[in-house]
Amino acid sequence: MAASIKAGVVGAAGYAGGELLRLLLQHPQVELAFAQSGSQAGKPLASIHTDLLGETELDFVADANADTDVLFLCTGHGGAGKYMKNNTIPASTKIIDLSQDFRWNEATAGKTVSAEGRDFVYGLPELQREAIQKASNIANPGCFATAIQLALLPLAQQHLLPAQVHISGITGSTGAGQSLSPTSHFSWRTENVSTYKVMEHQHLREVSRTILHLQPEQQQAIHFIPYRGPFARGIFITAYLETDLTLEQAQSLYQSYYSSHPFVVMSAQNPDLKQVVNTSKCVLHVQKHGQQLVITSIIDNLLKGAAGQAVQNMNLLFGIEETAGLKLKATGF
């Protein structure tokens, strides 16, 4: 199939940018027009993203070419809004932003954020597929926010979330980005686990807005404890909450909700992280202990939590097969 979508990536030198380049280069309907990086301009893409060796001869460029069908913004938080203010982007160019700049707005509980004359639709396909298909600009969800929301959406849609939800989640080191910090060095991270942003993680804003939208009659308290894990990629979250649902009712509810969503898979067995690393899948597992329903949700933070979801959103924006370019195999065992 001939390429029909011309894509550009701004901020392409980071982890998510590298995964996005990999996906776009092998996508059957995409031509990668450019990969922009202020710090790596002039260097071959494969000199930074070494997995692309033999896949492309493109170099990083300093300035983005606005003549594209879709523009992916992989800048750091705050960088997307700044880029849009400082650059003229044709109205016909669709934008998919991977930062948090347009994900939420405290002034509204809706799912659209306006900025620089554009309306950004919150891009969680399992929540907003139809809105995404009609949109021109997408705010890609956060990685923890994706895993948590996919764990809770079926319950929230049926107004079954209780007032208290407890969640713990562990993430790989790539979630912190490429810039080194005291907690991202290999010597600190390996064989080590620590909490961070306890009860205050920024992705809770997205989760709370979604829950309020689906179940407005009751404000949930979502108690979230995130952990730094001694591995490179992946997110493993466990949510538990009180419910009168039987296990069979809960399983049926989840199966029904996700029956038309290709990247969410229900597992009868307790899953492990390697089942999703290098894929755009979210694997869910539910179990019941007394009155507590326990939901496990696992994703690859760089794919379903970032670049893979961005490509999934691109597919929906352009009316092509939702799974195009995303049929990836897990890294295995």
C-alpha atoms as a PDB file:
ATOM      1  CA  MET A   1       0.000   0.000   0.000  1.00  0.00           C
ATOM      2  CA  ALA A   2       1.437   3.383  -1.021  1.00  0.00           C
ATOM      3  CA  ALA A   3       2.251   5.908   1.670  1.00  0.00           C
ATOM      4  CA  SER A   4      -0.434   8.588   1.973  1.00  0.00           C
ATOM      5  CA  ILE A   5       0.274  10.386   5.264  1.00  0.00           C
ATOM      6  CA  LYS A   6       3.270  12.715   5.501  1.00  0.00           C
ATOM      7  CA  ALA A   7       4.431  12.913   9.136  1.00  0.00           C
ATOM      8  CA  GLY A   8       6.939  15.043  11.016  1.00  0.00           C
ATOM      9  CA  VAL A   9       8.272  14.672  14.554  1.00  0.00           C
ATOM     10  CA  VAL A  10       9.386  17.610  16.709  1.00  0.00           C
ATOM     11  CA  GLY A  11      11.635  16.693  19.626  1.00  0.00           C
ATOM     12  CA  ALA A  12      12.592  13.358  18.106  1.00  0.00           C
ATOM     13  CA  ALA A  13      15.760  12.593  20.076  1.00  0.00           C
ATOM     14  CA  GLY A  14      14.160  11.335  23.307  1.00  0.00           C
ATOM     15  CA  TYR A  15      12.921   7.873  24.236  1.00  0.00           C
ATOM     16  CA  ALA A  16       9.311   8.428  23.112  1.00  0.00           C
ATOM     17  CA  GLY A  17      10.539  10.224  19.986  1.00  0.00           C
ATOM     18  CA  GLY A  18      12.754   7.285  19.094  1.00  0.00           C
ATOM     19  CA  GLU A  19       9.910   4.793  19.474  1.00  0.00           C
ATOM     20  CA  LEU A  20       7.671   7.044  17.407  1.00  0.00           C
ATOM     21  CA  LEU A  21      10.258   7.174  14.607  1.00  0.00           C
ATOM     22  CA  ARG A  22      10.521   3.387  14.650  1.00  0.00           C
ATOM     23  CA  LEU A  23       6.748   3.010  14.335  1.00  0.00           C
ATOM     24  CA  LEU A  24       6.358   5.635  11.614  1.00  0.00           C
ATOM     25  CA  LEU A  25       9.201   4.226   9.502  1.00  0.00           C
ATOM     26  CA  GLN A  26       7.527   0.815   9.335  1.00  0.00           C
ATOM     27  CA  HIS A  27       3.949   2.080   9.060  1.00  0.00           C
ATOM     28  CA  PRO A  28       2.415   0.988   5.728  1.00  0.00           C
ATOM     29  CA  GLN A  29       0.703   4.325   5.078  1.00  0.00           C
ATOM     30  CA  VAL A  30       3.200   6.885   6.397  1.00  0.00           C
ATOM     31  CA  GLU A  31       6.096   8.793   4.906  1.00  0.00           C
ATOM     32  CA  LEU A  32       8.413  10.213   7.579  1.00  0.00           C
ATOM     33  CA  ALA A  33       9.200  13.713   6.288  1.00  0.00           C
ATOM     34  CA  PHE A  34      11.552  14.872   9.045  1.00  0.00           C
ATOM     35  CA  ALA A  35      12.732  14.335  12.597  1.00  0.00           C
ATOM     36  CA  GLN A  36      13.551  17.572  14.398  1.00  0.00           C
ATOM     37  CA  SER A  37      15.962  17.970  17.307  1.00  0.00           C
ATOM     38  CA  GLY A  38      17.671  21.162  18.407  1.00  0.00           C
ATOM     39  CA  SER A  39      20.426  19.265  20.207  1.00  0.00           C
ATOM     40  CA  GLN A  40      21.118  16.578  17.578  1.00  0.00           C
ATOM     41  CA  ALA A  41      20.616  18.468  14.299  1.00  0.00           C
ATOM     42  CA  GLY A  42      22.818  17.176  11.488  1.00  0.00           C
ATOM     43  CA  LYS A  43      23.395  13.770  13.036  1.00  0.00           C
ATOM     44  CA  PRO A  44      21.939  10.557  11.543  1.00  0.00           C
ATOM     45  CA  LEU A  45      18.849   9.274  13.354  1.00  0.00           C
ATOM     46  CA  ALA A  46      20.646   5.952  13.883  1.00  0.00           C
ATOM     47  CA  SER A  47      23.512   7.653  15.713  1.00  0.00           C
ATOM     48  CA  ILE A  48      21.106   8.444  18.563  1.00  0.00           C
ATOM     49  CA  HIS A  49      18.457   5.754  18.111  1.00  0.00           C
ATOM     50  CA  THR A  50      20.784   2.888  17.326  1.00  0.00           C
ATOM     51  CA  ASP A  51      17.928   0.431  16.719  1.00  0.00           C
ATOM     52  CA  LEU A  52      17.225   2.394  13.513  1.00  0.00           C
ATOM     53  CA  LEU A  53      20.551   1.401  11.956  1.00  0.00           C
ATOM     54  CA  GLY A  54      19.783   0.174   8.448  1.00  0.00           C
ATOM     55  CA  GLU A  55      16.186   1.442   8.643  1.00  0.00           C
ATOM     56  CA  THR A  56      16.678   5.032   7.462  1.00  0.00           C
ATOM     57  CA  GLU A  57      19.301   7.431   6.096  1.00  0.00           C
ATOM     58  CA  LEU A  58      17.552  10.516   7.500  1.00  0.00           C
ATOM     59  CA  ASP A  59      19.395  13.044   9.671  1.00  0.00           C
ATOM     60  CA  PHE A  60      17.940  15.119  12.467  1.00  0.00           C
ATOM     61  CA  VAL A  61      17.060  18.652  11.351  1.00  0.00           C
ATOM     62  CA  ALA A  62      17.127  21.859  13.390  1.00  0.00           C
ATOM     63  CA  ASP A  63      13.932  23.325  11.947  1.00  0.00           C
ATOM     64  CA  ALA A  64      10.644  21.562  11.300  1.00  0.00           C
ATOM     65  CA  ASN A  65       9.080  21.571   7.835  1.00  0.00           C
ATOM     66  CA  ALA A  66       5.486  22.616   8.369  1.00  0.00           C
ATOM     67  CA  ASP A  67       4.337  20.983   5.120  1.00  0.00           C
ATOM     68  CA  THR A  68       3.057  17.754   6.664  1.00  0.00           C
ATOM     69  CA  ASP A  69      -0.282  16.067   7.179  1.00  0.00           C
ATOM     70  CA  VAL A  70       0.411  15.345  10.833  1.00  0.00           C
ATOM     71  CA  LEU A  71       2.876  16.823  13.298  1.00  0.00           C
ATOM     72  CA  PHE A  72       3.879  14.896  16.425  1.00  0.00           C
ATOM     73  CA  LEU A  73       5.140  17.059  19.293  1.00  0.00           C
ATOM     74  CA  CYS A  74       7.508  15.085  21.529  1.00  0.00           C
ATOM     75  CA  THR A  75       8.872  18.070  23.408  1.00  0.00           C
ATOM     76  CA  GLY A  76       9.203  18.225  27.173  1.00  0.00           C
ATOM     77  CA  HIS A  77       6.258  19.443  29.186  1.00  0.00           C
ATOM     78  CA  GLY A  78       5.704  23.109  28.404  1.00  0.00           C
ATOM     79  CA  GLY A  79       7.538  22.817  25.105  1.00  0.00           C
ATOM     80  CA  ALA A  80       4.516  22.059  22.920  1.00  0.00           C
ATOM     81  CA  GLY A  81       2.703  25.254  23.794  1.00  0.00           C
ATOM     82  CA  LYS A  82       5.901  27.244  23.281  1.00  0.00           C
ATOM     83  CA  TYR A  83       6.537  25.588  19.908  1.00  0.00           C
ATOM     84  CA  MET A  84       3.035  26.396  18.694  1.00  0.00           C
ATOM     85  CA  LYS A  85       3.378  30.046  19.724  1.00  0.00           C
ATOM     86  CA  ASN A  86       6.707  30.435  17.940  1.00  0.00           C
ATOM     87  CA  ASN A  87       5.942  28.552  14.713  1.00  0.00           C
ATOM     88  CA  THR A  88       3.340  28.881  11.998  1.00  0.00           C
ATOM     89  CA  ILE A  89       1.581  25.571  11.504  1.00  0.00           C
ATOM     90  CA  PRO A  90      -0.868  25.271   8.587  1.00  0.00           C
ATOM     91  CA  ALA A  91      -4.469  24.825   9.658  1.00  0.00           C
ATOM     92  CA  SER A  92      -4.610  21.657   7.560  1.00  0.00           C
ATOM     93  CA  THR A  93      -1.840  19.999   9.606  1.00  0.00           C
ATOM     94  CA  LYS A  94      -3.132  17.776  12.369  1.00  0.00           C
ATOM     95  CA  ILE A  95      -1.243  17.853  15.685  1.00  0.00           C
ATOM     96  CA  ILE A  96      -0.684  15.023  18.149  1.00  0.00           C
ATOM     97  CA  ASP A  97       0.992  16.261  21.319  1.00  0.00           C
ATOM     98  CA  LEU A  98       2.711  13.734  23.589  1.00  0.00           C
ATOM     99  CA  SER A  99       3.333  16.188  26.446  1.00  0.00           C
ATOM    100  CA  GLN A 100       0.876  17.167  29.161  1.00  0.00           C
ATOM    101  CA  ASP A 101       0.386  20.695  27.808  1.00  0.00           C
ATOM    102  CA  PHE A 102      -3.133  20.145  26.446  1.00  0.00           C
ATOM    103  CA  ARG A 103      -4.359  17.114  28.410  1.00  0.00           C
ATOM    104  CA  TRP A 104      -6.387  18.865  31.047  1.00  0.00           C
ATOM    105  CA  ASN A 105      -7.789  22.224  32.020  1.00  0.00           C
ATOM    106  CA  GLU A 106      -8.811  22.978  35.593  1.00  0.00           C
ATOM    107  CA  ALA A 107     -11.478  25.350  34.329  1.00  0.00           C
ATOM    108  CA  THR A 108     -13.480  22.569  32.719  1.00  0.00           C
ATOM    109  CA  ALA A 109     -14.395  18.941  33.322  1.00  0.00           C
ATOM    110  CA  GLY A 110     -14.787  18.426  29.556  1.00  0.00           C
ATOM    111  CA  LYS A 111     -12.505  16.530  27.219  1.00  0.00           C
ATOM    112  CA  THR A 112     -11.357  19.397  24.981  1.00  0.00           C
ATOM    113  CA  VAL A 113      -8.664  21.991  25.669  1.00  0.00           C
ATOM    114  CA  SER A 114      -8.287  25.073  23.451  1.00  0.00           C
ATOM    115  CA  ALA A 115      -4.844  26.551  22.714  1.00  0.00           C
ATOM    116  CA  GLU A 116      -3.436  28.734  19.940  1.00  0.00           C
ATOM    117  CA  GLY A 117      -6.706  28.603  18.026  1.00  0.00           C
ATOM    118  CA  ARG A 118      -6.887  24.812  18.116  1.00  0.00           C
ATOM    119  CA  ASP A 119      -9.094  22.464  20.089  1.00  0.00           C
ATOM    120  CA  PHE A 120      -7.271  19.441  21.515  1.00  0.00           C
ATOM    121  CA  VAL A 121      -9.281  16.281  22.138  1.00  0.00           C
ATOM    122  CA  TYR A 122      -8.071  13.987  24.899  1.00  0.00           C
ATOM    123  CA  GLY A 123      -6.697  10.980  23.044  1.00  0.00           C
ATOM    124  CA  LEU A 124      -7.590   7.860  24.999  1.00  0.00           C
ATOM    125  CA  PRO A 125      -9.198   5.734  22.249  1.00  0.00           C
ATOM    126  CA  GLU A 126     -10.927   3.374  24.669  1.00  0.00           C
ATOM    127  CA  LEU A 127     -12.757   6.394  26.079  1.00  0.00           C
ATOM    128  CA  GLN A 128     -13.048   8.799  23.136  1.00  0.00           C
ATOM    129  CA  ARG A 129     -12.724   6.893  19.873  1.00  0.00           C
ATOM    130  CA  GLU A 130     -15.561   8.714  18.088  1.00  0.00           C
ATOM    131  CA  ALA A 131     -14.409  12.154  19.252  1.00  0.00           C
ATOM    132  CA  ILE A 132     -10.853  11.356  18.106  1.00  0.00           C
ATOM    133  CA  GLN A 133     -12.092  10.310  14.665  1.00  0.00           C
ATOM    134  CA  LYS A 134     -13.728  13.731  14.242  1.00  0.00           C
ATOM    135  CA  ALA A 135     -10.833  15.741  15.702  1.00  0.00           C
ATOM    136  CA  SER A 136      -7.866  17.563  14.203  1.00  0.00           C
ATOM    137  CA  ASN A 137      -5.684  17.868  17.303  1.00  0.00           C
ATOM    138  CA  ILE A 138      -4.987  15.271  19.967  1.00  0.00           C
ATOM    139  CA  ALA A 139      -3.581  15.495  23.493  1.00  0.00           C
ATOM    140  CA  ASN A 140      -1.981  12.080  24.025  1.00  0.00           C
ATOM    141  CA  PRO A 141      -2.631  10.724  27.549  1.00  0.00           C
ATOM    142  CA  GLY A 142       0.094  10.188  30.129  1.00  0.00           C
ATOM    143  CA  CYS A 143       1.530   6.710  30.671  1.00  0.00           C
ATOM    144  CA  PHE A 144       0.350   6.124  34.252  1.00  0.00           C
ATOM    145  CA  ALA A 145      -2.937   7.836  33.378  1.00  0.00           C
ATOM    146  CA  THR A 146      -3.469   5.383  30.534  1.00  0.00           C
ATOM    147  CA  ALA A 147      -2.858   2.289  32.674  1.00  0.00           C
ATOM    148  CA  ILE A 148      -5.038   3.573  35.528  1.00  0.00           C
ATOM    149  CA  GLN A 149      -7.944   4.706  33.367  1.00  0.00           C
ATOM    150  CA  LEU A 150      -8.046   1.435  31.440  1.00  0.00           C
ATOM    151  CA  ALA A 151      -8.277  -0.334  34.815  1.00  0.00           C
ATOM    152  CA  LEU A 152     -11.244   1.794  35.925  1.00  0.00           C
ATOM    153  CA  LEU A 153     -13.249   2.782  32.814  1.00  0.00           C
ATOM    154  CA  PRO A 154     -15.724  -0.148  32.765  1.00  0.00           C
ATOM    155  CA  LEU A 155     -16.676   0.480  36.389  1.00  0.00           C
ATOM    156  CA  ALA A 156     -16.901   4.255  36.008  1.00  0.00           C
ATOM    157  CA  GLN A 157     -19.086   3.987  32.917  1.00  0.00           C
ATOM    158  CA  GLN A 158     -21.621   1.981  34.951  1.00  0.00           C
ATOM    159  CA  HIS A 159     -21.293   4.330  37.967  1.00  0.00           C
ATOM    160  CA  LEU A 160     -19.849   1.502  40.040  1.00  0.00           C
ATOM    161  CA  LEU A 161     -16.714   3.114  41.420  1.00  0.00           C
ATOM    162  CA  PRO A 162     -16.847   3.528  45.207  1.00  0.00           C
ATOM    163  CA  ALA A 163     -15.724   6.684  46.973  1.00  0.00           C
ATOM    164  CA  GLN A 164     -12.274   5.243  47.726  1.00  0.00           C
ATOM    165  CA  VAL A 165      -9.969   3.665  45.125  1.00  0.00           C
ATOM    166  CA  HIS A 166      -6.468   2.525  46.039  1.00  0.00           C
ATOM    167  CA  ILE A 167      -3.758   2.092  43.404  1.00  0.00           C
ATOM    168  CA  SER A 168      -0.073   1.253  43.401  1.00  0.00           C
ATOM    169  CA  GLY A 169       2.047   1.301  40.272  1.00  0.00           C
ATOM    170  CA  ILE A 170       5.649   0.742  39.266  1.00  0.00           C
ATOM    171  CA  THR A 171       7.335   2.177  36.180  1.00  0.00           C
ATOM    172  CA  GLY A 172      10.576   1.634  34.301  1.00  0.00           C
ATOM    173  CA  SER A 173      13.438   4.115  34.101  1.00  0.00           C
ATOM    174  CA  THR A 174      12.550   5.297  30.576  1.00  0.00           C
ATOM    175  CA  GLY A 175       9.525   7.011  32.092  1.00  0.00           C
ATOM    176  CA  ALA A 176      11.897   9.606  33.534  1.00  0.00           C
ATOM    177  CA  GLY A 177      13.273  10.583  30.115  1.00  0.00           C
ATOM    178  CA  GLN A 178      16.863  10.716  28.905  1.00  0.00           C
ATOM    179  CA  SER A 179      18.142  13.529  31.103  1.00  0.00           C
ATOM    180  CA  LEU A 180      20.113  12.082  33.991  1.00  0.00           C
ATOM    181  CA  SER A 181      19.141  12.734  37.592  1.00  0.00           C
ATOM    182  CA  PRO A 182      20.261  11.173  40.893  1.00  0.00           C
ATOM    183  CA  THR A 183      17.428   8.620  40.636  1.00  0.00           C
ATOM    184  CA  SER A 184      17.933   7.652  36.965  1.00  0.00           C
ATOM    185  CA  HIS A 185      21.570   6.544  36.994  1.00  0.00           C
ATOM    186  CA  PHE A 186      22.007   2.787  36.470  1.00  0.00           C
ATOM    187  CA  SER A 187      24.021   2.419  39.677  1.00  0.00           C
ATOM    188  CA  TRP A 188      21.131   3.889  41.698  1.00  0.00           C
ATOM    189  CA  ARG A 189      18.210   2.366  39.822  1.00  0.00           C
ATOM    190  CA  THR A 190      19.371  -1.227  39.509  1.00  0.00           C
ATOM    191  CA  GLU A 191      18.371  -3.593  42.335  1.00  0.00           C
ATOM    192  CA  ASN A 192      16.453  -0.714  43.910  1.00  0.00           C
ATOM    193  CA  VAL A 193      12.827   0.426  44.366  1.00  0.00           C
ATOM    194  CA  SER A 194      11.524   3.730  45.717  1.00  0.00           C
ATOM    195  CA  THR A 195       8.296   5.710  45.847  1.00  0.00           C
ATOM    196  CA  TYR A 196       7.901   9.197  44.388  1.00  0.00           C
ATOM    197  CA  LYS A 197       5.148  11.823  44.133  1.00  0.00           C
ATOM    198  CA  VAL A 198       3.077   9.824  46.621  1.00  0.00           C
ATOM    199  CA  MET A 199      -0.624  10.790  46.284  1.00  0.00           C
ATOM    200  CA  GLU A 200       0.441  13.756  44.107  1.00  0.00           C
ATOM    201  CA  HIS A 201       1.367  12.335  40.700  1.00  0.00           C
ATOM    202  CA  GLN A 202       0.464  14.774  37.910  1.00  0.00           C
ATOM    203  CA  HIS A 203      -1.375  12.076  35.924  1.00  0.00           C
ATOM    204  CA  LEU A 204      -4.077  11.959  38.602  1.00  0.00           C
ATOM    205  CA  ARG A 205      -5.465  15.161  37.092  1.00  0.00           C
ATOM    206  CA  GLU A 206      -6.315  13.284  33.894  1.00  0.00           C
ATOM    207  CA  VAL A 207      -7.737  10.307  35.745  1.00  0.00           C
ATOM    208  CA  SER A 208      -9.891  12.438  38.032  1.00  0.00           C
ATOM    209  CA  ARG A 209     -11.277  14.440  35.112  1.00  0.00           C
ATOM    210  CA  THR A 210     -12.261  11.283  33.256  1.00  0.00           C
ATOM    211  CA  ILE A 211     -13.917   9.724  36.302  1.00  0.00           C
ATOM    212  CA  LEU A 212     -15.808  12.922  37.069  1.00  0.00           C
ATOM    213  CA  HIS A 213     -17.027  13.028  33.472  1.00  0.00           C
ATOM    214  CA  LEU A 214     -18.284   9.431  33.563  1.00  0.00           C
ATOM    215  CA  GLN A 215     -19.556   9.325  37.143  1.00  0.00           C
ATOM    216  CA  PRO A 216     -20.369  12.941  38.034  1.00  0.00           C
ATOM    217  CA  GLU A 217     -22.628  12.216  40.995  1.00  0.00           C
ATOM    218  CA  GLN A 218     -19.745  11.217  43.247  1.00  0.00           C
ATOM    219  CA  GLN A 219     -16.214  12.573  43.537  1.00  0.00           C
ATOM    220  CA  GLN A 220     -13.835   9.637  43.956  1.00  0.00           C
ATOM    221  CA  ALA A 221     -10.740   9.787  46.129  1.00  0.00           C
ATOM    222  CA  ILE A 222      -8.035   8.011  44.134  1.00  0.00           C
ATOM    223  CA  HIS A 223      -5.104   7.131  46.364  1.00  0.00           C
ATOM    224  CA  PHE A 224      -2.100   6.456  44.127  1.00  0.00           C
ATOM    225  CA  ILE A 225       1.391   5.406  45.164  1.00  0.00           C
ATOM    226  CA  PRO A 226       3.884   5.306  42.250  1.00  0.00           C
ATOM    227  CA  TYR A 227       7.192   3.427  42.417  1.00  0.00           C
ATOM    228  CA  ARG A 228      10.411   3.629  40.442  1.00  0.00           C
ATOM    229  CA  GLY A 229      11.347   0.163  39.225  1.00  0.00           C
ATOM    230  CA  PRO A 230      14.769  -1.393  38.496  1.00  0.00           C
ATOM    231  CA  PHE A 231      13.948  -2.072  34.819  1.00  0.00           C
ATOM    232  CA  ALA A 232      13.926  -0.030  31.623  1.00  0.00           C
ATOM    233  CA  ARG A 233      10.348   0.004  30.370  1.00  0.00           C
ATOM    234  CA  GLY A 234       6.830  -0.947  31.323  1.00  0.00           C
ATOM    235  CA  ILE A 235       4.151   0.022  33.833  1.00  0.00           C
ATOM    236  CA  PHE A 236       2.454  -2.409  36.218  1.00  0.00           C
ATOM    237  CA  ILE A 237      -0.427  -1.010  38.266  1.00  0.00           C
ATOM    238  CA  THR A 238      -2.724  -2.703  40.765  1.00  0.00           C
ATOM    239  CA  ALA A 239      -6.011  -1.076  41.768  1.00  0.00           C
ATOM    240  CA  TYR A 240      -8.328  -2.371  44.445  1.00  0.00           C
ATOM    241  CA  LEU A 241     -11.729  -1.196  45.547  1.00  0.00           C
ATOM    242  CA  GLU A 242     -14.825  -2.413  47.371  1.00  0.00           C
ATOM    243  CA  THR A 243     -17.705  -3.712  45.270  1.00  0.00           C
ATOM    244  CA  ASP A 244     -20.762  -5.954  45.485  1.00  0.00           C
ATOM    245  CA  LEU A 245     -20.045  -7.362  42.020  1.00  0.00           C
ATOM    246  CA  THR A 246     -19.187 -11.024  41.857  1.00  0.00           C
ATOM    247  CA  LEU A 247     -16.008 -11.986  40.027  1.00  0.00           C
ATOM    248  CA  GLU A 248     -18.079 -13.328  37.139  1.00  0.00           C
ATOM    249  CA  GLN A 249     -20.032 -10.067  36.883  1.00  0.00           C
ATOM    250  CA  ALA A 250     -16.836  -8.006  36.929  1.00  0.00           C
ATOM    251  CA  GLN A 251     -15.205 -10.160  34.256  1.00  0.00           C
ATOM    252  CA  SER A 252     -18.286  -9.885  32.063  1.00  0.00           C
ATOM    253  CA  LEU A 253     -18.369  -6.107  32.531  1.00  0.00           C
ATOM    254  CA  TYR A 254     -14.745  -5.737  31.442  1.00  0.00           C
ATOM    255  CA  GLN A 255     -15.056  -8.146  28.524  1.00  0.00           C
ATOM    256  CA  SER A 256     -18.105  -6.274  27.256  1.00  0.00           C
ATOM    257  CA  TYR A 257     -16.530  -2.825  27.575  1.00  0.00           C
ATOM    258  CA  TYR A 258     -13.329  -3.748  25.723  1.00  0.00           C
ATOM    259  CA  SER A 259     -14.799  -6.140  23.154  1.00  0.00           C
ATOM    260  CA  SER A 260     -14.398  -3.580  20.349  1.00  0.00           C
ATOM    261  CA  HIS A 261     -11.012  -2.198  21.449  1.00  0.00           C
ATOM    262  CA  PRO A 262      -8.170  -4.123  19.816  1.00  0.00           C
ATOM    263  CA  PHE A 263      -5.347  -3.189  22.155  1.00  0.00           C
ATOM    264  CA  VAL A 264      -6.947  -4.097  25.488  1.00  0.00           C
ATOM    265  CA  VAL A 265      -6.711  -7.788  26.284  1.00  0.00           C
ATOM    266  CA  MET A 266      -8.254  -9.583  29.247  1.00  0.00           C
ATOM    267  CA  SER A 267      -6.106 -12.264  30.853  1.00  0.00           C
ATOM    268  CA  ALA A 268      -7.495 -15.162  32.864  1.00  0.00           C
ATOM    269  CA  GLN A 269      -4.111 -15.529  34.529  1.00  0.00           C
ATOM    270  CA  ASN A 270      -2.187 -13.029  36.620  1.00  0.00           C
ATOM    271  CA  PRO A 271      -0.074 -11.287  33.933  1.00  0.00           C
ATOM    272  CA  ASP A 272       3.562 -10.236  33.952  1.00  0.00           C
ATOM    273  CA  LEU A 273       5.203  -7.181  32.448  1.00  0.00           C
ATOM    274  CA  LYS A 274       7.051  -8.929  29.618  1.00  0.00           C
ATOM    275  CA  GLN A 275       3.726  -9.727  27.991  1.00  0.00           C
ATOM    276  CA  VAL A 276       3.322  -6.069  26.971  1.00  0.00           C
ATOM    277  CA  VAL A 277       6.858  -4.681  26.607  1.00  0.00           C
ATOM    278  CA  ASN A 278       7.432  -3.687  22.950  1.00  0.00           C
ATOM    279  CA  THR A 279       3.667  -3.756  22.217  1.00  0.00           C
ATOM    280  CA  SER A 280       0.739  -1.343  22.236  1.00  0.00           C
ATOM    281  CA  LYS A 281      -1.317  -3.730  24.337  1.00  0.00           C
ATOM    282  CA  CYS A 282      -2.840  -3.166  27.719  1.00  0.00           C
ATOM    283  CA  VAL A 283      -3.347  -6.468  29.531  1.00  0.00           C
ATOM    284  CA  LEU A 284      -5.981  -6.477  32.273  1.00  0.00           C
ATOM    285  CA  HIS A 285      -6.676  -9.075  34.945  1.00  0.00           C
ATOM    286  CA  VAL A 286      -9.450  -8.932  37.552  1.00  0.00           C
ATOM    287  CA  GLN A 287      -9.784 -10.992  40.713  1.00  0.00           C
ATOM    288  CA  LYS A 288     -12.014 -10.860  43.804  1.00  0.00           C
ATOM    289  CA  HIS A 289     -10.958 -11.214  47.439  1.00  0.00           C
ATOM    290  CA  GLY A 290     -13.851 -10.828  49.829  1.00  0.00           C
ATOM    291  CA  GLN A 291     -15.454  -7.468  49.008  1.00  0.00           C
ATOM    292  CA  GLN A 292     -12.324  -6.220  47.251  1.00  0.00           C
ATOM    293  CA  LEU A 293     -12.078  -6.235  43.461  1.00  0.00           C
ATOM    294  CA  VAL A 294      -8.425  -6.230  42.382  1.00  0.00           C
ATOM    295  CA  ILE A 295      -7.573  -4.996  38.875  1.00  0.00           C
ATOM    296  CA  THR A 296      -4.124  -5.405  37.344  1.00  0.00           C
ATOM    297  CA  SER A 297      -3.284  -3.218  34.338  1.00  0.00           C
ATOM    298  CA  ILE A 298       0.030  -3.443  32.477  1.00  0.00           C
ATOM    299  CA  ILE A 299       1.365  -1.458  29.510  1.00  0.00           C
ATOM    300  CA  ASP A 300       4.617  -0.458  27.846  1.00  0.00           C
ATOM    301  CA  ASN A 301       5.088   3.149  28.962  1.00  0.00           C
ATOM    302  CA  LEU A 302       6.791   4.104  25.667  1.00  0.00           C
ATOM    303  CA  LEU A 303       4.182   2.477  23.409  1.00  0.00           C
ATOM    304  CA  LYS A 304       0.626   2.241  24.742  1.00  0.00           C
ATOM    305  CA  GLY A 305       1.719   4.924  27.215  1.00  0.00           C
ATOM    306  CA  ALA A 306       3.202   7.252  24.573  1.00  0.00           C
ATOM    307  CA  ALA A 307       4.315   6.619  20.959  1.00  0.00           C
ATOM    308  CA  GLY A 308       2.100   3.619  20.202  1.00  0.00           C
ATOM    309  CA  GLN A 309      -0.983   5.433  21.440  1.00  0.00           C
ATOM    310  CA  ALA A 310       0.016   8.467  19.374  1.00  0.00           C
ATOM    311  CA  VAL A 311       0.130   6.309  16.224  1.00  0.00           C
ATOM    312  CA  GLN A 312      -3.167   4.677  17.207  1.00  0.00           C
ATOM    313  CA  ASN A 313      -4.645   8.176  17.427  1.00  0.00           C
ATOM    314  CA  MET A 314      -3.138   9.097  14.046  1.00  0.00           C
ATOM    315  CA  ASN A 315      -4.798   6.043  12.504  1.00  0.00           C
ATOM    316  CA  LEU A 316      -8.158   7.131  13.917  1.00  0.00           C
ATOM    317  CA  LEU A 317      -7.675  10.744  12.775  1.00  0.00           C
ATOM    318  CA  PHE A 318      -7.042   9.660   9.189  1.00  0.00           C
ATOM    319  CA  GLY A 319      -9.712   6.971   9.060  1.00  0.00           C
ATOM    320  CA  ILE A 320      -7.400   4.017   8.540  1.00  0.00           C
ATOM    321  CA  GLU A 321      -7.225   0.680  10.354  1.00  0.00           C
ATOM    322  CA  GLU A 322      -6.739   1.393  14.068  1.00  0.00           C
ATOM    323  CA  THR A 323      -4.058  -1.285  14.406  1.00  0.00           C
ATOM    324  CA  ALA A 324      -2.040  -0.256  11.313  1.00  0.00           C
ATOM    325  CA  GLY A 325       1.684  -0.261  12.056  1.00  0.00           C
ATOM    326  CA  LEU A 326       1.090  -1.467  15.598  1.00  0.00           C
ATOM    327  CA  LYS A 327       0.921  -5.254  15.349  1.00  0.00           C
ATOM    328  CA  LEU A 328       3.985  -5.728  17.490  1.00  0.00           C
ATOM    329  CA  LYS A 329       5.226  -8.804  19.310  1.00  0.00           C
ATOM    330  CA  ALA A 330       6.226  -8.696  22.968  1.00  0.00           C
ATOM    331  CA  THR A 331       9.916  -9.090  23.721  1.00  0.00           C
ATOM    332  CA  GLY A 332       9.246 -12.553  25.157  1.00  0.00           C
ATOM    333  CA  PHE A 333      10.982 -14.485  27.895  1.00  0.00           C
END
